[in-house]
Amino acid sequence: MVYCWVIDKQDTLNNYLIRNGCFPGSTMMRPKTWDEMEDWEKKLNKEAGEKPSVKIHVNKNSYNNFIAQIKAAELYAYQNKLGIWATETED
């Protein structure tokens, strides 16, 4: 699986989709590398016969900035009841 950012000047497609309520912000979280996993997560993976080979190609600061934008975008969508955050109408 590949996670990517589609960048348009200072915005990303990812941020745009979250800001418009297309997805919850948690869908933008990257998976953990083996070294970042807690012991219990490693144990679960070992029991399943897997050792994830996650490769990260973005520095921690850039990723943290991206996640901060995603959180703000999700809050905006939620407060404005956009997309998945819209209230259901009774018919």
Protein backbone atom coordinates (compact mmCIF):
# COMPACT_ATOMS: atom_id res chain seq x y z
CA MET A 1 0.00 0.00 0.00
CA VAL A 2 1.26 3.46 -0.82
CA TYR A 3 0.26 6.65 0.96
CA CYS A 4 0.92 9.88 -0.89
CA TRP A 5 0.17 13.58 -0.83
CA VAL A 6 -1.03 15.32 -3.97
CA ILE A 7 0.24 18.88 -3.50
CA ASP A 8 -1.18 22.04 -5.08
CA LYS A 9 0.77 25.07 -3.89
CA GLN A 10 0.17 25.22 -0.11
CA ASP A 11 -2.71 22.71 -0.04
CA THR A 12 -2.99 18.98 -0.62
CA LEU A 13 -5.75 16.91 -2.17
CA ASN A 14 -5.78 14.96 1.09
CA ASN A 15 -6.51 18.12 3.10
CA TYR A 16 -9.16 19.23 0.59
CA LEU A 17 -11.00 15.91 0.87
CA ILE A 18 -10.97 15.99 4.67
CA ARG A 19 -12.02 19.67 4.77
CA ASN A 20 -15.04 18.83 2.60
CA GLY A 21 -16.07 15.89 4.76
CA CYS A 22 -15.24 13.15 2.27
CA PHE A 23 -13.30 11.09 4.84
CA PRO A 24 -12.44 11.22 8.53
CA GLY A 25 -8.97 12.60 9.24
CA SER A 26 -7.79 9.29 10.66
CA THR A 27 -7.61 7.88 7.13
CA MET A 28 -4.55 10.08 6.57
CA MET A 29 -2.46 8.53 9.34
CA ARG A 30 0.54 6.60 8.07
CA PRO A 31 1.22 3.10 9.37
CA LYS A 32 3.91 2.61 12.00
CA THR A 33 7.31 1.24 11.14
CA TRP A 34 8.48 -1.90 12.94
CA ASP A 35 10.69 0.18 15.24
CA GLU A 36 7.78 2.49 16.15
CA MET A 37 5.45 -0.35 17.14
CA GLU A 38 4.69 -1.19 20.74
CA ASP A 39 5.73 -4.65 21.93
CA TRP A 40 2.13 -5.90 21.85
CA GLU A 41 1.77 -4.75 18.21
CA LYS A 42 4.95 -6.57 17.24
CA LYS A 43 3.70 -9.70 19.00
CA LEU A 44 0.40 -9.59 17.07
CA ASN A 45 2.27 -9.22 13.79
CA LYS A 46 4.65 -12.05 14.63
CA GLU A 47 1.72 -14.32 15.55
CA ALA A 48 0.15 -13.49 12.18
CA GLY A 49 3.45 -14.37 10.51
CA GLU A 50 4.07 -10.83 9.34
CA LYS A 51 6.74 -8.21 9.81
CA PRO A 52 5.59 -4.98 8.15
CA SER A 53 8.19 -3.37 5.93
CA VAL A 54 6.94 0.20 6.08
CA LYS A 55 9.22 2.73 4.39
CA ILE A 56 8.86 6.41 5.24
CA HIS A 57 9.94 9.01 2.68
CA VAL A 58 8.98 12.17 4.56
CA ASN A 59 10.64 13.71 7.60
CA LYS A 60 8.89 13.78 10.96
CA ASN A 61 8.41 17.57 10.97
CA SER A 62 6.71 17.56 7.56
CA TYR A 63 4.47 14.68 8.61
CA ASN A 64 3.51 16.41 11.88
CA ASN A 65 2.66 19.61 9.95
CA PHE A 66 0.54 17.57 7.54
CA ILE A 67 -1.36 15.92 10.42
CA ALA A 68 -1.95 19.32 12.07
CA GLN A 69 -3.54 20.53 8.82
CA ILE A 70 -5.65 17.37 8.61
CA LYS A 71 -6.90 17.85 12.19
CA ALA A 72 -7.88 21.45 11.44
CA ALA A 73 -9.59 20.39 8.21
CA GLU A 74 -11.57 17.68 9.99
CA LEU A 75 -12.66 20.11 12.71
CA TYR A 76 -13.82 22.57 10.01
CA ALA A 77 -15.84 19.86 8.21
CA TYR A 78 -17.33 18.65 11.48
CA GLN A 79 -18.30 22.13 12.70
CA ASN A 80 -19.84 22.99 9.31
CA LYS A 81 -21.58 19.60 9.00
CA LEU A 82 -20.00 18.83 5.64
CA GLY A 83 -19.99 15.43 3.90
CA ILE A 84 -19.87 12.56 6.37
CA TRP A 85 -20.45 15.02 9.22
CA ALA A 86 -23.78 16.25 7.80
CA THR A 87 -26.76 15.55 9.98
CA GLU A 88 -29.31 13.11 8.66
CA THR A 89 -32.64 14.56 7.63
CA GLU A 90 -35.84 12.94 8.72
CA ASP A 91 -38.29 12.22 5.91
